[in-house]
C-alpha atoms as a PDB file:
ATOM      1  CA  MET A   1      40.537 -29.585 -28.948  1.00  0.00           C
ATOM      2  CA  ILE A   2      38.458 -26.922 -29.870  1.00  0.00           C
ATOM      3  CA  ILE A   3      39.403 -23.404 -26.968  1.00  0.00           C
ATOM      4  CA  ASP A   4      36.252 -21.644 -27.004  1.00  0.00           C
ATOM      5  CA  ASN A   5      37.693 -18.048 -27.831  1.00  0.00           C
ATOM      6  CA  ASN A   6      33.944 -15.611 -25.912  1.00  0.00           C
ATOM      7  CA  PRO A   7      33.801 -18.251 -22.479  1.00  0.00           C
ATOM      8  CA  MET A   8      30.324 -17.177 -21.014  1.00  0.00           C
ATOM      9  CA  ARG A   9      30.927 -14.770 -17.831  1.00  0.00           C
ATOM     10  CA  ILE A  10      28.537 -13.287 -15.252  1.00  0.00           C
ATOM     11  CA  GLU A  11      28.601  -9.926 -16.500  1.00  0.00           C
ATOM     12  CA  ASN A  12      28.234 -10.930 -20.411  1.00  0.00           C
ATOM     13  CA  LEU A  13      24.637 -11.461 -18.662  1.00  0.00           C
ATOM     14  CA  PRO A  14      21.222  -8.554 -20.487  1.00  0.00           C
ATOM     15  CA  ASP A  15      21.493  -5.960 -18.586  1.00  0.00           C
ATOM     16  CA  GLU A  16      16.914  -6.941 -18.244  1.00  0.00           C
ATOM     17  CA  LEU A  17      18.096 -10.167 -16.112  1.00  0.00           C
ATOM     18  CA  PHE A  18      20.373  -8.473 -14.040  1.00  0.00           C
ATOM     19  CA  LEU A  19      17.773  -6.444 -13.039  1.00  0.00           C
ATOM     20  CA  TYR A  20      14.984  -8.615 -12.369  1.00  0.00           C
ATOM     21  CA  ILE A  21      17.853 -10.839  -9.667  1.00  0.00           C
ATOM     22  CA  PHE A  22      18.770  -7.709  -8.533  1.00  0.00           C
ATOM     23  CA  SER A  23      14.707  -7.025  -7.118  1.00  0.00           C
ATOM     24  CA  PHE A  24      15.438  -9.877  -5.559  1.00  0.00           C
ATOM     25  CA  ILE A  25      18.429  -8.555  -3.427  1.00  0.00           C
ATOM     26  CA  GLU A  26      18.691  -6.446  -0.349  1.00  0.00           C
ATOM     27  CA  PRO A  27      19.804  -2.911  -0.853  1.00  0.00           C
ATOM     28  CA  LYS A  28      22.930  -4.097   1.851  1.00  0.00           C
ATOM     29  CA  ASP A  29      24.158  -6.773  -0.365  1.00  0.00           C
ATOM     30  CA  LEU A  30      23.545  -4.570  -3.546  1.00  0.00           C
ATOM     31  CA  LEU A  31      26.117  -1.747  -2.385  1.00  0.00           C
ATOM     32  CA  GLU A  32      28.537  -4.568   0.444  1.00  0.00           C
ATOM     33  CA  GLY A  33      28.437  -7.628  -2.053  1.00  0.00           C
ATOM     34  CA  TRP A  34      27.726  -5.973  -5.909  1.00  0.00           C
ATOM     35  CA  TYR A  35      28.722  -2.267  -5.914  1.00  0.00           C
ATOM     36  CA  ASN A  36      32.368  -1.865  -7.515  1.00  0.00           C
ATOM     37  CA  LEU A  37      32.675  -4.843  -9.184  1.00  0.00           C
ATOM     38  CA  ASN A  38      33.567  -3.746 -12.736  1.00  0.00           C
ATOM     39  CA  TYR A  39      31.797  -0.481 -14.512  1.00  0.00           C
ATOM     40  CA  HIS A  40      29.575  -2.276 -16.773  1.00  0.00           C
ATOM     41  CA  ILE A  41      27.653  -3.930 -12.692  1.00  0.00           C
ATOM     42  CA  ASN A  42      27.507  -0.387 -11.395  1.00  0.00           C
ATOM     43  CA  MET A  43      25.807   1.123 -14.288  1.00  0.00           C
ATOM     44  CA  ILE A  44      23.451  -2.055 -13.989  1.00  0.00           C
ATOM     45  CA  LEU A  45      22.928  -0.771 -10.209  1.00  0.00           C
ATOM     46  CA  ARG A  46      21.976   2.406 -10.898  1.00  0.00           C
ATOM     47  CA  SER A  47      18.432   1.652 -12.359  1.00  0.00           C
ATOM     48  CA  VAL A  48      17.864  -0.773 -10.061  1.00  0.00           C
ATOM     49  CA  ASP A  49      13.874   0.415  -8.355  1.00  0.00           C
ATOM     50  CA  ILE A  50      15.034   0.193  -4.211  1.00  0.00           C
ATOM     51  CA  ARG A  51      12.888  -1.416  -1.704  1.00  0.00           C
ATOM     52  CA  ILE A  52      13.320  -0.962   1.944  1.00  0.00           C
ATOM     53  CA  SER A  53      11.899  -1.888   5.456  1.00  0.00           C
ATOM     54  CA  ILE A  54      12.837   0.091   8.693  1.00  0.00           C
ATOM     55  CA  LYS A  55      11.022  -1.772  12.075  1.00  0.00           C
ATOM     56  CA  ASN A  56      12.381   0.033  14.355  1.00  0.00           C
ATOM     57  CA  ASN A  57      15.452   3.081  14.836  1.00  0.00           C
ATOM     58  CA  ASP A  58      18.464  -0.421  15.612  1.00  0.00           C
ATOM     59  CA  LYS A  59      16.891  -1.468  11.211  1.00  0.00           C
ATOM     60  CA  PHE A  60      17.429   1.897  10.133  1.00  0.00           C
ATOM     61  CA  ASN A  61      20.920   3.024  11.070  1.00  0.00           C
ATOM     62  CA  ASP A  62      22.016  -0.653   9.645  1.00  0.00           C
ATOM     63  CA  SER A  63      20.190   0.350   6.199  1.00  0.00           C
ATOM     64  CA  LEU A  64      22.032   3.909   6.307  1.00  0.00           C
ATOM     65  CA  PRO A  65      24.653   3.328   4.349  1.00  0.00           C
ATOM     66  CA  TYR A  66      22.862   2.200   1.557  1.00  0.00           C
ATOM     67  CA  PHE A  67      19.802   4.239   1.896  1.00  0.00           C
ATOM     68  CA  LYS A  68      21.990   7.633   1.082  1.00  0.00           C
ATOM     69  CA  HIS A  69      23.625   5.708  -1.633  1.00  0.00           C
ATOM     70  CA  PHE A  70      20.890   4.203  -3.183  1.00  0.00           C
ATOM     71  CA  CYS A  71      18.026   7.061  -1.962  1.00  0.00           C
ATOM     72  CA  SER A  72      17.878   9.204  -5.445  1.00  0.00           C
ATOM     73  CA  GLN A  73      16.507   4.951  -6.181  1.00  0.00           C
ATOM     74  CA  ILE A  74      14.343   4.357  -3.641  1.00  0.00           C
ATOM     75  CA  THR A  75      10.166   3.721  -5.092  1.00  0.00           C
ATOM     76  CA  HIS A  76       9.622   2.171  -1.911  1.00  0.00           C
ATOM     77  CA  LEU A  77       9.647   2.990   1.836  1.00  0.00           C
ATOM     78  CA  LYS A  78       8.178   1.881   4.453  1.00  0.00           C
ATOM     79  CA  ASP A  79       9.120   3.474   7.662  1.00  0.00           C
ATOM     80  CA  GLU A  80       7.687   1.899  10.679  1.00  0.00           C
ATOM     81  CA  ARG A  81       9.153   3.665  13.249  1.00  0.00           C
ATOM     82  CA  PHE A  82       7.263   5.091  16.341  1.00  0.00           C
ATOM     83  CA  PHE A  83       9.199   7.290  17.490  1.00  0.00           C
ATOM     84  CA  PRO A  84      12.174   7.468  15.084  1.00  0.00           C
ATOM     85  CA  ASN A  85      15.570   8.225  16.877  1.00  0.00           C
ATOM     86  CA  THR A  86      16.253  10.095  13.112  1.00  0.00           C
ATOM     87  CA  GLN A  87      14.070  11.409  10.485  1.00  0.00           C
ATOM     88  CA  ILE A  88      14.351  10.736   6.909  1.00  0.00           C
ATOM     89  CA  ASP A  89      14.752  13.491   4.620  1.00  0.00           C
ATOM     90  CA  LEU A  90      12.471  13.348   2.511  1.00  0.00           C
ATOM     91  CA  ARG A  91      13.001  15.913  -0.058  1.00  0.00           C
ATOM     92  CA  SER A  92      16.516  13.261  -1.430  1.00  0.00           C
ATOM     93  CA  LEU A  93      13.169  10.495  -2.469  1.00  0.00           C
ATOM     94  CA  ILE A  94      12.902  12.604  -6.064  1.00  0.00           C
ATOM     95  CA  ASN A  95      11.187   8.557  -7.759  1.00  0.00           C
ATOM     96  CA  ILE A  96       9.607   7.472  -4.371  1.00  0.00           C
ATOM     97  CA  ARG A  97       6.529   6.342  -5.735  1.00  0.00           C
ATOM     98  CA  PHE A  98       5.015   4.060  -2.175  1.00  0.00           C
ATOM     99  CA  LEU A  99       5.812   6.402   0.973  1.00  0.00           C
ATOM    100  CA  TYR A 100       4.556   4.152   4.104  1.00  0.00           C
ATOM    101  CA  LEU A 101       5.489   6.707   7.585  1.00  0.00           C
ATOM    102  CA  THR A 102       3.637   5.825  10.742  1.00  0.00           C
ATOM    103  CA  HIS A 103       5.056   8.636  12.456  1.00  0.00           C
ATOM    104  CA  CYS A 104       5.775  11.843  10.225  1.00  0.00           C
ATOM    105  CA  SER A 105       6.957  14.546  11.641  1.00  0.00           C
ATOM    106  CA  LYS A 106       5.940  19.198  10.662  1.00  0.00           C
ATOM    107  CA  GLU A 107       9.299  18.899   8.736  1.00  0.00           C
ATOM    108  CA  GLN A 108       8.818  16.166   6.787  1.00  0.00           C
ATOM    109  CA  TYR A 109       4.888  16.833   6.493  1.00  0.00           C
ATOM    110  CA  GLN A 110       6.000  19.804   4.720  1.00  0.00           C
ATOM    111  CA  HIS A 111       8.691  18.318   2.151  1.00  0.00           C
ATOM    112  CA  ILE A 112       6.149  16.146   0.756  1.00  0.00           C
ATOM    113  CA  ASN A 113       4.285  17.338  -2.360  1.00  0.00           C
ATOM    114  CA  PRO A 114       4.535  17.396  -5.552  1.00  0.00           C
ATOM    115  CA  ASP A 115       7.290  19.361  -6.157  1.00  0.00           C
ATOM    116  CA  ASN A 116       9.370  16.497  -4.291  1.00  0.00           C
ATOM    117  CA  GLN A 117       8.063  13.397  -4.753  1.00  0.00           C
ATOM    118  CA  SER A 118       6.274  13.958  -8.674  1.00  0.00           C
ATOM    119  CA  TYR A 119       6.241   9.801  -9.237  1.00  0.00           C
ATOM    120  CA  LEU A 120       4.485   8.971  -6.339  1.00  0.00           C
ATOM    121  CA  THR A 121       1.333   7.023  -6.675  1.00  0.00           C
ATOM    122  CA  HIS A 122       0.666   5.087  -2.685  1.00  0.00           C
ATOM    123  CA  PHE A 123       0.621   7.327   0.733  1.00  0.00           C
ATOM    124  CA  PHE A 124       0.169   6.330   4.622  1.00  0.00           C
ATOM    125  CA  SER A 125       1.195   8.196   7.298  1.00  0.00           C
ATOM    126  CA  SER A 126      -1.715   7.749  11.054  1.00  0.00           C
ATOM    127  CA  SER A 127      -0.100  10.848  12.499  1.00  0.00           C
ATOM    128  CA  LEU A 128      -0.740  14.149   9.963  1.00  0.00           C
ATOM    129  CA  PRO A 129      -2.768  16.398  10.535  1.00  0.00           C
ATOM    130  CA  TRP A 130      -6.378  16.834   8.749  1.00  0.00           C
ATOM    131  CA  SER A 131      -5.040  20.192   6.694  1.00  0.00           C
ATOM    132  CA  PHE A 132      -2.393  18.219   5.251  1.00  0.00           C
ATOM    133  CA  TYR A 133      -5.064  15.304   3.086  1.00  0.00           C
ATOM    134  CA  GLN A 134      -6.563  18.599   2.666  1.00  0.00           C
ATOM    135  CA  ARG A 135      -4.545  20.050   0.200  1.00  0.00           C
ATOM    136  CA  ILE A 136      -3.399  16.758  -1.497  1.00  0.00           C
ATOM    137  CA  LEU A 137      -7.130  15.632  -1.987  1.00  0.00           C
ATOM    138  CA  PHE A 138      -8.528  18.765  -3.219  1.00  0.00           C
ATOM    139  CA  GLU A 139      -6.519  21.494  -3.724  1.00  0.00           C
ATOM    140  CA  GLN A 140      -4.975  21.973  -7.007  1.00  0.00           C
ATOM    141  CA  ALA A 141      -1.291  20.924  -6.215  1.00  0.00           C
ATOM    142  CA  ARG A 142      -2.195  17.519  -6.014  1.00  0.00           C
ATOM    143  CA  PHE A 143      -0.137  14.786  -7.222  1.00  0.00           C
ATOM    144  CA  PRO A 144      -0.905  13.575 -11.197  1.00  0.00           C
ATOM    145  CA  TYR A 145      -0.355   9.662  -9.578  1.00  0.00           C
ATOM    146  CA  LEU A 146      -1.367   9.245  -6.246  1.00  0.00           C
ATOM    147  CA  ILE A 147      -3.709   6.940  -6.495  1.00  0.00           C
ATOM    148  CA  SER A 148      -4.506   5.419  -2.825  1.00  0.00           C
ATOM    149  CA  VAL A 149      -3.720   7.086   0.213  1.00  0.00           C
ATOM    150  CA  GLY A 150      -4.452   6.261   3.738  1.00  0.00           C
ATOM    151  CA  CYS A 151      -5.774   8.998   6.206  1.00  0.00           C
ATOM    152  CA  PRO A 152      -5.367   8.177  10.344  1.00  0.00           C
ATOM    153  CA  ARG A 153      -7.260   8.389  12.620  1.00  0.00           C
ATOM    154  CA  GLY A 154      -9.930  11.336  13.587  1.00  0.00           C
ATOM    155  CA  ALA A 155      -8.727  13.171  11.001  1.00  0.00           C
ATOM    156  CA  SER A 156     -11.160  12.343   8.516  1.00  0.00           C
ATOM    157  CA  ILE A 157     -13.929  13.901  10.971  1.00  0.00           C
ATOM    158  CA  TYR A 158     -13.041  17.708   9.313  1.00  0.00           C
ATOM    159  CA  LEU A 159     -14.516  15.702   6.294  1.00  0.00           C
ATOM    160  CA  LEU A 160     -18.051  15.509   7.688  1.00  0.00           C
ATOM    161  CA  ASN A 161     -17.816  19.944   7.799  1.00  0.00           C
ATOM    162  CA  ALA A 162     -16.505  20.683   4.874  1.00  0.00           C
ATOM    163  CA  THR A 163     -17.147  21.314   0.945  1.00  0.00           C
ATOM    164  CA  HIS A 164     -15.067  19.961  -0.825  1.00  0.00           C
ATOM    165  CA  SER A 165     -14.183  19.780  -5.361  1.00  0.00           C
ATOM    166  CA  ILE A 166     -14.350  15.780  -6.587  1.00  0.00           C
ATOM    167  CA  ASN A 167     -11.217  14.187  -7.172  1.00  0.00           C
ATOM    168  CA  ARG A 168     -11.076  11.402  -9.848  1.00  0.00           C
ATOM    169  CA  THR A 169      -7.739  10.202  -8.885  1.00  0.00           C
ATOM    170  CA  ILE A 170      -7.834   8.090  -6.078  1.00  0.00           C
ATOM    171  CA  ARG A 171      -8.390   4.914  -6.510  1.00  0.00           C
ATOM    172  CA  HIS A 172      -7.690   2.919  -3.170  1.00  0.00           C
ATOM    173  CA  LEU A 173      -8.600   4.308   0.674  1.00  0.00           C
ATOM    174  CA  HIS A 174      -6.842   3.128   3.392  1.00  0.00           C
ATOM    175  CA  LEU A 175      -9.005   4.878   7.051  1.00  0.00           C
ATOM    176  CA  HIS A 176      -7.585   3.768  10.309  1.00  0.00           C
ATOM    177  CA  SER A 177     -10.693   4.825  11.763  1.00  0.00           C
ATOM    178  CA  ALA A 178     -14.622   5.958  10.033  1.00  0.00           C
ATOM    179  CA  SER A 179     -18.103   5.692  10.372  1.00  0.00           C
ATOM    180  CA  ASP A 180     -20.858   4.942   8.262  1.00  0.00           C
ATOM    181  CA  GLU A 181     -20.688   9.276   7.758  1.00  0.00           C
ATOM    182  CA  ILE A 182     -17.935   9.400   7.628  1.00  0.00           C
ATOM    183  CA  ILE A 183     -17.292   6.985   4.275  1.00  0.00           C
ATOM    184  CA  TYR A 184     -20.040   8.353   2.943  1.00  0.00           C
ATOM    185  CA  LYS A 185     -18.778  11.448   2.073  1.00  0.00           C
ATOM    186  CA  PHE A 186     -16.153   9.756   1.182  1.00  0.00           C
ATOM    187  CA  VAL A 187     -17.639   8.265  -1.536  1.00  0.00           C
ATOM    188  CA  GLN A 188     -19.018  11.963  -2.593  1.00  0.00           C
ATOM    189  CA  TYR A 189     -15.553  13.338  -2.647  1.00  0.00           C
ATOM    190  CA  LEU A 190     -13.668   9.861  -4.057  1.00  0.00           C
ATOM    191  CA  PRO A 191     -15.963   8.744  -6.568  1.00  0.00           C
ATOM    192  CA  SER A 192     -13.470   6.484  -8.320  1.00  0.00           C
ATOM    193  CA  ILE A 193     -12.140   4.509  -5.244  1.00  0.00           C
ATOM    194  CA  ILE A 194     -12.778   1.002  -5.917  1.00  0.00           C
ATOM    195  CA  SER A 195     -10.896  -0.511  -3.356  1.00  0.00           C
ATOM    196  CA  LEU A 196     -11.474   0.329   0.609  1.00  0.00           C
ATOM    197  CA  THR A 197      -9.819  -1.100   3.576  1.00  0.00           C
ATOM    198  CA  ILE A 198     -11.427   0.661   6.931  1.00  0.00           C
ATOM    199  CA  ASP A 199      -9.213  -1.018  10.807  1.00  0.00           C
ATOM    200  CA  TYR A 200     -12.477  -0.106  12.999  1.00  0.00           C
ATOM    201  CA  LEU A 201     -15.581   0.698  11.895  1.00  0.00           C
ATOM    202  CA  TYR A 202     -17.970   2.418  14.415  1.00  0.00           C
ATOM    203  CA  THR A 203     -21.926   3.629  14.252  1.00  0.00           C
ATOM    204  CA  ASN A 204     -22.510   6.955  14.603  1.00  0.00           C
ATOM    205  CA  SER A 205     -25.657   6.809  17.781  1.00  0.00           C
ATOM    206  CA  SER A 206     -26.617  10.330  17.492  1.00  0.00           C
ATOM    207  CA  SER A 207     -26.012  10.704  13.283  1.00  0.00           C
ATOM    208  CA  SER A 208     -29.148  11.074  11.423  1.00  0.00           C
ATOM    209  CA  PRO A 209     -30.181   8.375   8.431  1.00  0.00           C
ATOM    210  CA  LEU A 210     -28.257   8.804   5.670  1.00  0.00           C
ATOM    211  CA  LEU A 211     -30.121   8.300   1.929  1.00  0.00           C
ATOM    212  CA  SER A 212     -28.041   5.178  -0.519  1.00  0.00           C
ATOM    213  CA  THR A 213     -25.112   5.822  -2.694  1.00  0.00           C
ATOM    214  CA  HIS A 214     -24.053   3.824  -4.811  1.00  0.00           C
ATOM    215  CA  SER A 215     -20.564   3.281  -5.086  1.00  0.00           C
ATOM    216  CA  ARG A 216     -18.134   2.030  -7.435  1.00  0.00           C
ATOM    217  CA  ILE A 217     -16.366  -0.273  -4.834  1.00  0.00           C
ATOM    218  CA  ARG A 218     -15.218  -3.692  -6.000  1.00  0.00           C
ATOM    219  CA  ARG A 219     -13.096  -4.572  -2.202  1.00  0.00           C
ATOM    220  CA  LEU A 220     -14.299  -3.956   0.942  1.00  0.00           C
ATOM    221  CA  ASN A 221     -11.791  -5.319   3.873  1.00  0.00           C
ATOM    222  CA  ILE A 222     -12.682  -4.331   7.997  1.00  0.00           C
ATOM    223  CA  VAL A 223      -9.381  -5.430   9.144  1.00  0.00           C
ATOM    224  CA  ASN A 224     -10.062  -5.546  13.184  1.00  0.00           C
ATOM    225  CA  ALA A 225     -13.279  -7.236  14.456  1.00  0.00           C
ATOM    226  CA  LEU A 226     -16.290  -5.764  14.254  1.00  0.00           C
ATOM    227  CA  LEU A 227     -18.743  -6.126  17.707  1.00  0.00           C
ATOM    228  CA  SER A 228     -21.593  -6.224  16.157  1.00  0.00           C
ATOM    229  CA  GLN A 229     -23.006  -6.608  12.612  1.00  0.00           C
ATOM    230  CA  PHE A 230     -25.495  -4.028  12.352  1.00  0.00           C
ATOM    231  CA  HIS A 231     -22.076  -1.892  12.296  1.00  0.00           C
ATOM    232  CA  LEU A 232     -22.219  -3.725   8.370  1.00  0.00           C
ATOM    233  CA  GLU A 233     -25.944  -3.860   8.242  1.00  0.00           C
ATOM    234  CA  GLN A 234     -25.800   0.389   8.539  1.00  0.00           C
ATOM    235  CA  LEU A 235     -22.649   0.838   6.621  1.00  0.00           C
ATOM    236  CA  LEU A 236     -24.177  -1.005   3.239  1.00  0.00           C
ATOM    237  CA  LEU A 237     -27.476   0.706   4.084  1.00  0.00           C
ATOM    238  CA  SER A 238     -25.404   3.932   3.622  1.00  0.00           C
ATOM    239  CA  VAL A 239     -23.282   2.958   0.701  1.00  0.00           C
ATOM    240  CA  GLY A 240     -24.433  -0.008  -2.096  1.00  0.00           C
ATOM    241  CA  PHE A 241     -21.918  -1.587  -3.435  1.00  0.00           C
ATOM    242  CA  PRO A 242     -23.597  -3.111  -6.368  1.00  0.00           C
ATOM    243  CA  ASP A 243     -20.270  -4.117  -7.738  1.00  0.00           C
ATOM    244  CA  LEU A 244     -18.603  -4.877  -4.500  1.00  0.00           C
ATOM    245  CA  THR A 245     -16.584  -8.852  -5.651  1.00  0.00           C
ATOM    246  CA  TYR A 246     -13.841  -8.909  -2.638  1.00  0.00           C
ATOM    247  CA  LEU A 247     -15.154  -9.260   1.458  1.00  0.00           C
ATOM    248  CA  CYS A 248     -12.889  -9.509   4.313  1.00  0.00           C
ATOM    249  CA  ILE A 249     -13.974  -9.343   7.627  1.00  0.00           C
ATOM    250  CA  THR A 250     -14.021 -10.328  11.568  1.00  0.00           C
ATOM    251  CA  PHE A 251     -16.910 -10.114  13.916  1.00  0.00           C
ATOM    252  CA  ASP A 252     -17.165 -10.892  17.696  1.00  0.00           C
ATOM    253  CA  THR A 253     -19.930 -13.507  17.341  1.00  0.00           C
ATOM    254  CA  CYS A 254     -22.085 -14.057  14.295  1.00  0.00           C
ATOM    255  CA  ASP A 255     -25.859 -14.637  13.094  1.00  0.00           C
ATOM    256  CA  PHE A 256     -25.048 -16.435  10.688  1.00  0.00           C
ATOM    257  CA  GLN A 257     -28.580 -16.567   9.223  1.00  0.00           C
ATOM    258  CA  GLN A 258     -28.936 -13.025   8.923  1.00  0.00           C
ATOM    259  CA  LEU A 259     -25.203 -13.348   7.238  1.00  0.00           C
ATOM    260  CA  ALA A 260     -26.953 -16.065   4.881  1.00  0.00           C
ATOM    261  CA  TYR A 261     -29.542 -12.950   3.715  1.00  0.00           C
ATOM    262  CA  THR A 262     -27.238  -9.694   3.701  1.00  0.00           C
ATOM    263  CA  LEU A 263     -25.234 -11.525   1.357  1.00  0.00           C
ATOM    264  CA  THR A 264     -27.742 -12.140  -1.288  1.00  0.00           C
ATOM    265  CA  ILE A 265     -27.019  -8.642  -2.084  1.00  0.00           C
ATOM    266  CA  PHE A 266     -23.883  -8.978  -3.639  1.00  0.00           C
ATOM    267  CA  SER A 267     -24.350 -10.512  -6.899  1.00  0.00           C
ATOM    268  CA  CYS A 268     -20.738  -9.569  -8.322  1.00  0.00           C
ATOM    269  CA  LEU A 269     -19.152 -11.082  -5.015  1.00  0.00           C
ATOM    270  CA  LYS A 270     -16.184 -13.444  -5.766  1.00  0.00           C
ATOM    271  CA  HIS A 271     -14.238 -13.597  -2.676  1.00  0.00           C
ATOM    272  CA  PHE A 272     -15.019 -13.567   0.757  1.00  0.00           C
ATOM    273  CA  ASN A 273     -13.719 -14.070   3.422  1.00  0.00           C
ATOM    274  CA  LEU A 274     -14.849 -14.612   7.374  1.00  0.00           C
ATOM    275  CA  THR A 275     -13.383 -15.125  10.888  1.00  0.00           C
ATOM    276  CA  VAL A 276     -15.842 -15.005  13.522  1.00  0.00           C
ATOM    277  CA  ASN A 277     -13.966 -15.526  16.683  1.00  0.00           C
ATOM    278  CA  THR A 278     -16.424 -16.393  19.395  1.00  0.00           C
ATOM    279  CA  TYR A 279     -19.720 -18.938  19.324  1.00  0.00           C
ATOM    280  CA  PRO A 280     -22.190 -20.943  20.660  1.00  0.00           C
ATOM    281  CA  SER A 281     -20.641 -24.509  22.629  1.00  0.00           C
ATOM    282  CA  ASP A 282     -23.765 -25.994  20.765  1.00  0.00           C
ATOM    283  CA  PHE A 283     -22.166 -24.495  17.319  1.00  0.00           C
ATOM    284  CA  ASN A 284     -23.655 -26.573  14.137  1.00  0.00           C
ATOM    285  CA  LEU A 285     -21.200 -26.674  10.994  1.00  0.00           C
ATOM    286  CA  ILE A 286     -23.521 -28.882   9.378  1.00  0.00           C
ATOM    287  CA  VAL A 287     -26.368 -27.500   9.557  1.00  0.00           C
ATOM    288  CA  THR A 288     -24.457 -23.306   9.204  1.00  0.00           C
ATOM    289  CA  ARG A 289     -23.129 -24.793   5.917  1.00  0.00           C
ATOM    290  CA  LEU A 290     -26.504 -25.064   3.895  1.00  0.00           C
ATOM    291  CA  MET A 291     -27.445 -21.550   4.962  1.00  0.00           C
ATOM    292  CA  SER A 292     -25.320 -20.127   2.088  1.00  0.00           C
ATOM    293  CA  PRO A 293     -23.612 -20.896  -0.199  1.00  0.00           C
ATOM    294  CA  TRP A 294     -20.256 -18.722   0.499  1.00  0.00           C
ATOM    295  CA  PHE A 295     -20.852 -21.286   4.047  1.00  0.00           C
ATOM    296  CA  LEU A 296     -19.467 -24.536   2.452  1.00  0.00           C
ATOM    297  CA  SER A 297     -16.232 -23.821   3.343  1.00  0.00           C
ATOM    298  CA  LEU A 298     -17.401 -23.051   6.955  1.00  0.00           C
ATOM    299  CA  ASN A 299     -14.874 -24.187   9.440  1.00  0.00           C
ATOM    300  CA  TYR A 300     -12.530 -24.142  12.382  1.00  0.00           C
ATOM    301  CA  GLU A 301      -9.187 -22.777  12.900  1.00  0.00           C
ATOM    302  CA  HIS A 302      -6.352 -22.611  15.468  1.00  0.00           C
ATOM    303  CA  ILE A 303      -5.031 -19.037  16.113  1.00  0.00           C
ATOM    304  CA  ILE A 304      -1.449 -18.070  17.866  1.00  0.00           C
ATOM    305  CA  ASP A 305      -1.730 -14.303  18.553  1.00  0.00           C
ATOM    306  CA  ARG A 306       0.696 -12.972  21.196  1.00  0.00           C
ATOM    307  CA  TYR A 307      -1.816 -14.195  23.684  1.00  0.00           C
ATOM    308  CA  ASN A 308      -2.792 -16.562  24.078  1.00  0.00           C
ATOM    309  CA  GLN A 309      -3.935 -19.392  21.447  1.00  0.00           C
ATOM    310  CA  LYS A 310      -7.872 -19.743  20.321  1.00  0.00           C
ATOM    311  CA  GLN A 311     -10.755 -21.113  17.905  1.00  0.00           C
ATOM    312  CA  THR A 312     -11.889 -19.028  15.663  1.00  0.00           C
ATOM    313  CA  VAL A 313     -14.606 -20.454  13.022  1.00  0.00           C
ATOM    314  CA  LEU A 314     -13.052 -18.828   9.425  1.00  0.00           C
ATOM    315  CA  ILE A 315     -15.131 -18.813   5.425  1.00  0.00           C
ATOM    316  CA  ASN A 316     -11.944 -18.798   2.618  1.00  0.00           C
ATOM    317  CA  ILE A 317     -14.548 -19.252  -0.295  1.00  0.00           C
ATOM    318  CA  ILE A 318     -13.241 -18.316  -4.164  1.00  0.00           C
ATOM    319  CA  ARG A 319     -15.932 -18.675  -7.152  1.00  0.00           C
ATOM    320  CA  THR A 320     -15.019 -18.462  -9.924  1.00  0.00           C
END
C-alpha cells in the first residue's frame, strides 16, 4: 500500500488560479467565507481586484463592512443611488479604475483628482457641474490614464461658448443629451474619440448649419428612440463617420427606403442594430428586406417593458 505524504490540498493551488476564482466571487463572500482561513489565503485576498455595484441604500448598508475592508482594492465601483443616505469617501479608493456615480456630492467631486485616483480610466456621473469636466478634460491637472468619460444632462452646453485645449487621450464619450452642434464641438476638442454613446439626441432648429468634420468614431450608440430620422441625418451631415463599424439606433417610426440610402454612406459598417417602435399595419417584411443587405435580418420581436408588452421591428446583423 502506497501512502501519499503530499496530498493535494486547496491551498496548494497556484496563486494565479486563486486570483482567477476569486474574481468571480462577491466581496461579501470573500470576506465571510475565505478571509482568515490561513495566512496564505489572506495574502492572496489582498491582491484581488474588487468590483462593487450599489443599487440602493439598503444594498450599500449591507456592503459597508466589506467596502471598508477592501477599500484600497476596489477597482470598479458603480453607485446608482439617486439619493444616497451615506456618501462614499472617494479618497480611500486609491486604486479605482472605473467610477460611476449617479449622484455625486460637492464634497465628493472635490476629492476626485489625479492625486487621489491616479489610475482612473473610466468616469461617469449625472450630477456634476461643467466646471468639473472642464478641469479633468481640458486643464493641465488631468488624469493620466482617463480614456472614458460621461457628461450629465445639460452640462456640455457650456462647451459651445468657450475655447479649450485639445485632449487626445479620451477614447469613449457618453453624453446624456446632445445636439449635433455639441457633438461637433466635442469631436473638435476630443479628436481621438472612437466610441460615442448618446442617451438623447435632439436638434437645435435655431443653430446655423455646420461644416462637416470627419471623426475617428467607430462605434455610435443612440440609446433612446429618435422621433425622426431627420435627427440622425443632421448628425451625419455635421459629423462625418467614415470609420464607423458599429451603429445602434432606435426610431419611433422609420422610412426604410431613406434609411437604406443613408446606410450606403458607411463603407466600413460591420454591425448594425436597429429597433423601430411603431410601423404601419400593412408593413411588408419581405419587400423591406430586399431594400438593403442590412435589412435581411429584419423581423418582429416582442418587447416586455415595465408598463406593457409591445411588438417592435428589429434588426441585429453582423457582417463578417
